[in-house]
């Protein structure tokens, strides 16, 4: 199969996944990069290019100049200019919202920020990454599961936390049924995340379950 055919297949798979959920937040950063680079990339694997670009994290990528992007990743002038412009747009958006940055002080803050998850038809496990002042500095979907379960490994959570240079994290997932009662698996995962967090020095502040207009906090329930 040619590179052109492989790229078309990769793009179609991402689009299919998007159409299944109808939620842009269900796409990974890698998926978004593949889609954005597709119109200006030929003769090179989009999937491998996205992996290379994200090798040191999105924040590290955003700190590179157009010239550095070109030299480090072998991008042509059009690609490096496009990517540098896109990253600059992201930086400006962050600056414009800096004063309105979300601060997590309770599970109610988390629920208000993440209640859009109530509409997801599959279980999504999302992490909020916080700085030392409990400001949300990043949000990332770690796993997308079935109607009633999402498979999550602590390694995935804390590798993302380290990548975002987070001081602490809040885990959030939805129950498509609308019932926010924690399952035994939810409780077990929370305990594992707490243990790993203690080892790496990144505290799990809470694990919040989003339901149909309601939420539950495993910390407030005394489950960890």
C-alpha atoms as a PDB file:
ATOM      1  CA  UNK A   1       0.000   0.000   0.000  1.00  0.00           C
ATOM      2  CA  UNK A   2       1.351   3.429  -0.975  1.00  0.00           C
ATOM      3  CA  UNK A   3       1.945   6.279   1.481  1.00  0.00           C
ATOM      4  CA  UNK A   4      -0.903   8.184  -0.154  1.00  0.00           C
ATOM      5  CA  UNK A   5      -3.265   5.264   0.453  1.00  0.00           C
ATOM      6  CA  UNK A   6      -2.051   4.809   4.043  1.00  0.00           C
ATOM      7  CA  UNK A   7      -2.601   8.502   4.741  1.00  0.00           C
ATOM      8  CA  UNK A   8      -6.095   8.393   3.267  1.00  0.00           C
ATOM      9  CA  UNK A   9      -6.864   5.357   5.428  1.00  0.00           C
ATOM     10  CA  UNK A  10      -5.553   7.071   8.584  1.00  0.00           C
ATOM     11  CA  UNK A  11      -7.616  10.198   7.927  1.00  0.00           C
ATOM     12  CA  UNK A  12     -10.749   8.187   7.200  1.00  0.00           C
ATOM     13  CA  UNK A  13     -10.345   6.184  10.402  1.00  0.00           C
ATOM     14  CA  UNK A  14     -10.104   9.390  12.446  1.00  0.00           C
ATOM     15  CA  UNK A  15     -13.162  10.830  10.733  1.00  0.00           C
ATOM     16  CA  UNK A  16     -15.091   7.627  11.365  1.00  0.00           C
ATOM     17  CA  UNK A  17     -14.218   7.789  15.066  1.00  0.00           C
ATOM     18  CA  UNK A  18     -15.380  11.395  15.175  1.00  0.00           C
ATOM     19  CA  UNK A  19     -18.681  10.596  13.477  1.00  0.00           C
ATOM     20  CA  UNK A  20     -19.306   7.814  16.010  1.00  0.00           C
ATOM     21  CA  UNK A  21     -19.191  10.249  18.930  1.00  0.00           C
ATOM     22  CA  UNK A  22     -19.987  13.578  17.300  1.00  0.00           C
ATOM     23  CA  UNK A  23     -17.593  15.109  19.835  1.00  0.00           C
ATOM     24  CA  UNK A  24     -14.380  16.830  18.747  1.00  0.00           C
ATOM     25  CA  UNK A  25     -12.961  16.285  22.259  1.00  0.00           C
ATOM     26  CA  UNK A  26     -12.978  12.548  21.536  1.00  0.00           C
ATOM     27  CA  UNK A  27     -10.086  13.060  19.099  1.00  0.00           C
ATOM     28  CA  UNK A  28      -6.564  12.832  20.464  1.00  0.00           C
ATOM     29  CA  UNK A  29      -3.942  15.509  19.868  1.00  0.00           C
ATOM     30  CA  UNK A  30      -2.300  13.088  17.442  1.00  0.00           C
ATOM     31  CA  UNK A  31      -5.572  12.719  15.518  1.00  0.00           C
ATOM     32  CA  UNK A  32      -5.947  16.494  15.262  1.00  0.00           C
ATOM     33  CA  UNK A  33      -2.407  16.879  13.951  1.00  0.00           C
ATOM     34  CA  UNK A  34      -2.990  14.214  11.301  1.00  0.00           C
ATOM     35  CA  UNK A  35      -6.135  16.009  10.114  1.00  0.00           C
ATOM     36  CA  UNK A  36      -4.513  19.446  10.088  1.00  0.00           C
ATOM     37  CA  UNK A  37      -1.329  18.360   8.294  1.00  0.00           C
ATOM     38  CA  UNK A  38      -3.140  16.218   5.713  1.00  0.00           C
ATOM     39  CA  UNK A  39      -3.921  18.994   3.153  1.00  0.00           C
ATOM     40  CA  UNK A  40      -0.292  20.172   3.031  1.00  0.00           C
ATOM     41  CA  UNK A  41       1.571  16.855   3.294  1.00  0.00           C
ATOM     42  CA  UNK A  42       2.396  14.401   0.522  1.00  0.00           C
ATOM     43  CA  UNK A  43       4.955  11.640   0.178  1.00  0.00           C
ATOM     44  CA  UNK A  44       5.255  11.245   3.935  1.00  0.00           C
ATOM     45  CA  UNK A  45       3.334   9.239   6.513  1.00  0.00           C
ATOM     46  CA  UNK A  46       0.943  11.504   8.419  1.00  0.00           C
ATOM     47  CA  UNK A  47       0.827   9.129  11.378  1.00  0.00           C
ATOM     48  CA  UNK A  48       4.609   8.974  11.709  1.00  0.00           C
ATOM     49  CA  UNK A  49       4.872  12.747  11.276  1.00  0.00           C
ATOM     50  CA  UNK A  50       2.319  13.329  14.049  1.00  0.00           C
ATOM     51  CA  UNK A  51       4.209  10.926  16.327  1.00  0.00           C
ATOM     52  CA  UNK A  52       7.479  12.772  15.661  1.00  0.00           C
ATOM     53  CA  UNK A  53       5.900  16.166  16.327  1.00  0.00           C
ATOM     54  CA  UNK A  54       4.463  14.994  19.643  1.00  0.00           C
ATOM     55  CA  UNK A  55       7.528  13.053  20.773  1.00  0.00           C
ATOM     56  CA  UNK A  56       8.459  15.695  23.346  1.00  0.00           C
ATOM     57  CA  UNK A  57       4.942  16.948  24.028  1.00  0.00           C
ATOM     58  CA  UNK A  58       2.758  19.686  22.617  1.00  0.00           C
ATOM     59  CA  UNK A  59       4.175  22.326  24.955  1.00  0.00           C
ATOM     60  CA  UNK A  60       7.718  21.635  23.768  1.00  0.00           C
ATOM     61  CA  UNK A  61       6.524  21.808  20.166  1.00  0.00           C
ATOM     62  CA  UNK A  62       4.865  25.169  20.746  1.00  0.00           C
ATOM     63  CA  UNK A  63       8.159  26.661  21.941  1.00  0.00           C
ATOM     64  CA  UNK A  64       9.914  26.055  18.593  1.00  0.00           C
ATOM     65  CA  UNK A  65      10.288  28.709  15.908  1.00  0.00           C
ATOM     66  CA  UNK A  66       9.306  28.178  12.284  1.00  0.00           C
ATOM     67  CA  UNK A  67      12.964  27.568  11.411  1.00  0.00           C
ATOM     68  CA  UNK A  68      13.412  25.090  14.269  1.00  0.00           C
ATOM     69  CA  UNK A  69      10.277  23.205  13.229  1.00  0.00           C
ATOM     70  CA  UNK A  70      11.639  22.943   9.709  1.00  0.00           C
ATOM     71  CA  UNK A  71      15.112  21.786  10.732  1.00  0.00           C
ATOM     72  CA  UNK A  72      14.092  19.378  13.484  1.00  0.00           C
ATOM     73  CA  UNK A  73      11.228  17.641  11.692  1.00  0.00           C
ATOM     74  CA  UNK A  74      12.170  18.038   8.051  1.00  0.00           C
ATOM     75  CA  UNK A  75       9.167  20.201   7.226  1.00  0.00           C
ATOM     76  CA  UNK A  76       9.033  22.234   4.050  1.00  0.00           C
ATOM     77  CA  UNK A  77       8.460  25.992   4.154  1.00  0.00           C
ATOM     78  CA  UNK A  78       4.696  25.694   3.749  1.00  0.00           C
ATOM     79  CA  UNK A  79       4.351  23.067   6.477  1.00  0.00           C
ATOM     80  CA  UNK A  80       6.557  24.837   9.020  1.00  0.00           C
ATOM     81  CA  UNK A  81       4.823  28.185   8.408  1.00  0.00           C
ATOM     82  CA  UNK A  82       1.386  26.585   8.767  1.00  0.00           C
ATOM     83  CA  UNK A  83       2.296  24.730  11.958  1.00  0.00           C
ATOM     84  CA  UNK A  84       4.040  27.748  13.512  1.00  0.00           C
ATOM     85  CA  UNK A  85       0.987  29.907  12.711  1.00  0.00           C
ATOM     86  CA  UNK A  86      -1.331  27.333  14.248  1.00  0.00           C
ATOM     87  CA  UNK A  87       0.732  27.114  17.429  1.00  0.00           C
ATOM     88  CA  UNK A  88       0.889  30.908  17.683  1.00  0.00           C
ATOM     89  CA  UNK A  89      -2.896  31.073  17.368  1.00  0.00           C
ATOM     90  CA  UNK A  90      -3.139  28.601  20.241  1.00  0.00           C
ATOM     91  CA  UNK A  91      -0.782  30.690  22.358  1.00  0.00           C
ATOM     92  CA  UNK A  92      -2.815  33.836  21.751  1.00  0.00           C
ATOM     93  CA  UNK A  93      -6.012  32.032  22.674  1.00  0.00           C
ATOM     94  CA  UNK A  94      -4.436  30.915  25.951  1.00  0.00           C
ATOM     95  CA  UNK A  95      -3.291  34.462  26.720  1.00  0.00           C
ATOM     96  CA  UNK A  96      -6.723  35.903  25.931  1.00  0.00           C
ATOM     97  CA  UNK A  97      -8.340  33.515  28.401  1.00  0.00           C
ATOM     98  CA  UNK A  98      -5.670  33.670  31.080  1.00  0.00           C
ATOM     99  CA  UNK A  99      -7.718  35.917  33.346  1.00  0.00           C
ATOM    100  CA  UNK A 100     -10.692  33.614  32.954  1.00  0.00           C
ATOM    101  CA  UNK A 101      -8.694  30.468  33.718  1.00  0.00           C
ATOM    102  CA  UNK A 102     -10.691  27.811  35.504  1.00  0.00           C
ATOM    103  CA  UNK A 103      -9.709  27.237  39.120  1.00  0.00           C
ATOM    104  CA  UNK A 104     -10.682  23.982  40.795  1.00  0.00           C
ATOM    105  CA  UNK A 105     -11.724  24.414  44.428  1.00  0.00           C
ATOM    106  CA  UNK A 106     -14.415  21.751  44.688  1.00  0.00           C
ATOM    107  CA  UNK A 107     -16.128  18.976  42.775  1.00  0.00           C
ATOM    108  CA  UNK A 108     -18.825  21.507  41.863  1.00  0.00           C
ATOM    109  CA  UNK A 109     -16.200  23.464  39.896  1.00  0.00           C
ATOM    110  CA  UNK A 110     -15.207  20.289  38.092  1.00  0.00           C
ATOM    111  CA  UNK A 111     -18.817  19.401  37.294  1.00  0.00           C
ATOM    112  CA  UNK A 112     -19.592  22.880  35.970  1.00  0.00           C
ATOM    113  CA  UNK A 113     -16.509  22.748  33.755  1.00  0.00           C
ATOM    114  CA  UNK A 114     -17.095  19.214  32.475  1.00  0.00           C
ATOM    115  CA  UNK A 115     -20.891  18.794  32.441  1.00  0.00           C
ATOM    116  CA  UNK A 116     -20.822  18.621  28.633  1.00  0.00           C
ATOM    117  CA  UNK A 117     -19.694  15.024  29.147  1.00  0.00           C
ATOM    118  CA  UNK A 118     -23.257  14.136  30.157  1.00  0.00           C
ATOM    119  CA  UNK A 119     -24.133  13.949  26.451  1.00  0.00           C
ATOM    120  CA  UNK A 120     -21.446  11.429  25.497  1.00  0.00           C
ATOM    121  CA  UNK A 121     -22.829   8.032  24.527  1.00  0.00           C
ATOM    122  CA  UNK A 122     -19.683   6.154  25.528  1.00  0.00           C
ATOM    123  CA  UNK A 123     -17.690   6.348  28.711  1.00  0.00           C
ATOM    124  CA  UNK A 124     -14.827   8.839  28.427  1.00  0.00           C
ATOM    125  CA  UNK A 125     -12.027   9.146  30.964  1.00  0.00           C
ATOM    126  CA  UNK A 126     -10.615  12.666  31.035  1.00  0.00           C
ATOM    127  CA  UNK A 127      -7.925  14.241  33.181  1.00  0.00           C
ATOM    128  CA  UNK A 128      -7.669  17.863  34.216  1.00  0.00           C
ATOM    129  CA  UNK A 129      -4.073  18.898  34.816  1.00  0.00           C
ATOM    130  CA  UNK A 130      -3.563  21.634  37.401  1.00  0.00           C
ATOM    131  CA  UNK A 131      -0.748  23.976  38.389  1.00  0.00           C
ATOM    132  CA  UNK A 132       0.278  24.814  41.958  1.00  0.00           C
ATOM    133  CA  UNK A 133      -2.650  27.242  42.289  1.00  0.00           C
ATOM    134  CA  UNK A 134      -5.189  24.664  41.086  1.00  0.00           C
ATOM    135  CA  UNK A 135      -5.628  26.418  37.735  1.00  0.00           C
ATOM    136  CA  UNK A 136      -6.501  24.049  34.897  1.00  0.00           C
ATOM    137  CA  UNK A 137      -3.536  24.128  32.523  1.00  0.00           C
ATOM    138  CA  UNK A 138      -4.638  21.275  30.261  1.00  0.00           C
ATOM    139  CA  UNK A 139      -7.390  18.780  29.651  1.00  0.00           C
ATOM    140  CA  UNK A 140      -6.872  15.458  27.915  1.00  0.00           C
ATOM    141  CA  UNK A 141      -9.049  12.483  27.045  1.00  0.00           C
ATOM    142  CA  UNK A 142      -7.098   9.462  28.256  1.00  0.00           C
ATOM    143  CA  UNK A 143      -9.482   6.711  27.224  1.00  0.00           C
ATOM    144  CA  UNK A 144     -12.765   6.118  25.417  1.00  0.00           C
ATOM    145  CA  UNK A 145     -14.595   2.954  26.355  1.00  0.00           C
ATOM    146  CA  UNK A 146     -17.951   1.301  25.836  1.00  0.00           C
ATOM    147  CA  UNK A 147     -21.410   2.162  27.075  1.00  0.00           C
ATOM    148  CA  UNK A 148     -20.461   1.352  30.653  1.00  0.00           C
ATOM    149  CA  UNK A 149     -16.691   1.114  30.967  1.00  0.00           C
ATOM    150  CA  UNK A 150     -13.436   2.799  29.979  1.00  0.00           C
ATOM    151  CA  UNK A 151     -10.137   0.966  30.317  1.00  0.00           C
ATOM    152  CA  UNK A 152      -7.514   3.200  31.928  1.00  0.00           C
ATOM    153  CA  UNK A 153      -3.971   2.483  33.064  1.00  0.00           C
ATOM    154  CA  UNK A 154      -2.277   4.767  35.627  1.00  0.00           C
ATOM    155  CA  UNK A 155       0.773   4.894  33.348  1.00  0.00           C
ATOM    156  CA  UNK A 156      -1.232   6.742  30.688  1.00  0.00           C
ATOM    157  CA  UNK A 157      -2.568   9.217  33.232  1.00  0.00           C
ATOM    158  CA  UNK A 158       0.747  10.128  34.802  1.00  0.00           C
ATOM    159  CA  UNK A 159       2.760  10.181  31.594  1.00  0.00           C
ATOM    160  CA  UNK A 160       0.301  12.835  30.416  1.00  0.00           C
ATOM    161  CA  UNK A 161       0.562  14.654  33.763  1.00  0.00           C
ATOM    162  CA  UNK A 162       4.342  14.760  33.494  1.00  0.00           C
ATOM    163  CA  UNK A 163       4.124  15.915  29.885  1.00  0.00           C
ATOM    164  CA  UNK A 164       1.888  18.820  30.928  1.00  0.00           C
ATOM    165  CA  UNK A 165       4.098  19.539  33.975  1.00  0.00           C
ATOM    166  CA  UNK A 166       1.101  19.286  36.253  1.00  0.00           C
ATOM    167  CA  UNK A 167       1.327  19.677  40.011  1.00  0.00           C
ATOM    168  CA  UNK A 168      -1.882  17.738  40.566  1.00  0.00           C
ATOM    169  CA  UNK A 169      -4.693  16.124  38.600  1.00  0.00           C
ATOM    170  CA  UNK A 170      -8.425  15.622  38.718  1.00  0.00           C
ATOM    171  CA  UNK A 171      -9.846  12.520  37.058  1.00  0.00           C
ATOM    172  CA  UNK A 172     -13.253  12.836  35.424  1.00  0.00           C
ATOM    173  CA  UNK A 173     -15.383  10.299  33.643  1.00  0.00           C
ATOM    174  CA  UNK A 174     -18.999  10.075  32.592  1.00  0.00           C
ATOM    175  CA  UNK A 175     -21.626   7.419  33.166  1.00  0.00           C
ATOM    176  CA  UNK A 176     -23.818   7.363  30.029  1.00  0.00           C
ATOM    177  CA  UNK A 177     -26.578   5.777  32.129  1.00  0.00           C
ATOM    178  CA  UNK A 178     -26.834   9.052  34.062  1.00  0.00           C
ATOM    179  CA  UNK A 179     -26.325   7.259  37.388  1.00  0.00           C
ATOM    180  CA  UNK A 180     -23.220   8.583  39.132  1.00  0.00           C
ATOM    181  CA  UNK A 181     -22.856   5.824  41.724  1.00  0.00           C
ATOM    182  CA  UNK A 182     -19.174   4.761  41.678  1.00  0.00           C
ATOM    183  CA  UNK A 183     -18.598   1.193  40.550  1.00  0.00           C
ATOM    184  CA  UNK A 184     -16.072  -1.126  42.247  1.00  0.00           C
ATOM    185  CA  UNK A 185     -13.843  -0.590  39.198  1.00  0.00           C
ATOM    186  CA  UNK A 186     -14.083   3.195  39.660  1.00  0.00           C
ATOM    187  CA  UNK A 187     -13.040   2.889  43.290  1.00  0.00           C
ATOM    188  CA  UNK A 188     -10.198   0.493  42.503  1.00  0.00           C
ATOM    189  CA  UNK A 189      -8.831   2.756  39.764  1.00  0.00           C
ATOM    190  CA  UNK A 190      -9.003   5.771  42.070  1.00  0.00           C
ATOM    191  CA  UNK A 191      -6.954   3.982  44.716  1.00  0.00           C
ATOM    192  CA  UNK A 192      -4.354   2.965  42.128  1.00  0.00           C
ATOM    193  CA  UNK A 193      -4.107   6.525  40.810  1.00  0.00           C
ATOM    194  CA  UNK A 194      -3.689   7.799  44.363  1.00  0.00           C
ATOM    195  CA  UNK A 195      -0.875   5.334  45.049  1.00  0.00           C
ATOM    196  CA  UNK A 196       0.992   6.104  41.832  1.00  0.00           C
ATOM    197  CA  UNK A 197       0.472   9.826  42.387  1.00  0.00           C
ATOM    198  CA  UNK A 198       2.140   9.580  45.772  1.00  0.00           C
ATOM    199  CA  UNK A 199       5.113   7.827  44.186  1.00  0.00           C
ATOM    200  CA  UNK A 200       5.641  10.407  41.436  1.00  0.00           C
ATOM    201  CA  UNK A 201       4.688  13.456  43.498  1.00  0.00           C
ATOM    202  CA  UNK A 202       1.558  14.392  41.538  1.00  0.00           C
ATOM    203  CA  UNK A 203      -1.517  14.338  43.752  1.00  0.00           C
ATOM    204  CA  UNK A 204      -4.901  13.054  42.634  1.00  0.00           C
ATOM    205  CA  UNK A 205      -7.172  15.758  44.048  1.00  0.00           C
ATOM    206  CA  UNK A 206     -10.449  14.102  43.127  1.00  0.00           C
ATOM    207  CA  UNK A 207     -12.199  11.668  40.841  1.00  0.00           C
ATOM    208  CA  UNK A 208     -15.518  13.060  39.652  1.00  0.00           C
ATOM    209  CA  UNK A 209     -18.249  11.125  37.876  1.00  0.00           C
ATOM    210  CA  UNK A 210     -20.533  13.064  35.533  1.00  0.00           C
ATOM    211  CA  UNK A 211     -24.127  11.939  35.090  1.00  0.00           C
ATOM    212  CA  UNK A 212     -27.312  13.437  33.698  1.00  0.00           C
ATOM    213  CA  UNK A 213     -27.007  16.905  35.207  1.00  0.00           C
ATOM    214  CA  UNK A 214     -25.545  15.525  38.431  1.00  0.00           C
ATOM    215  CA  UNK A 215     -22.137  14.455  39.649  1.00  0.00           C
ATOM    216  CA  UNK A 216     -20.406  12.438  42.363  1.00  0.00           C
ATOM    217  CA  UNK A 217     -17.037  13.039  43.981  1.00  0.00           C
ATOM    218  CA  UNK A 218     -15.181   9.978  45.201  1.00  0.00           C
ATOM    219  CA  UNK A 219     -13.197  12.158  47.598  1.00  0.00           C
ATOM    220  CA  UNK A 220     -16.314  13.726  49.100  1.00  0.00           C
ATOM    221  CA  UNK A 221     -17.812  10.250  49.411  1.00  0.00           C
ATOM    222  CA  UNK A 222     -14.749   9.239  51.440  1.00  0.00           C
ATOM    223  CA  UNK A 223     -13.752   6.531  48.968  1.00  0.00           C
ATOM    224  CA  UNK A 224     -10.069   7.490  48.926  1.00  0.00           C
END
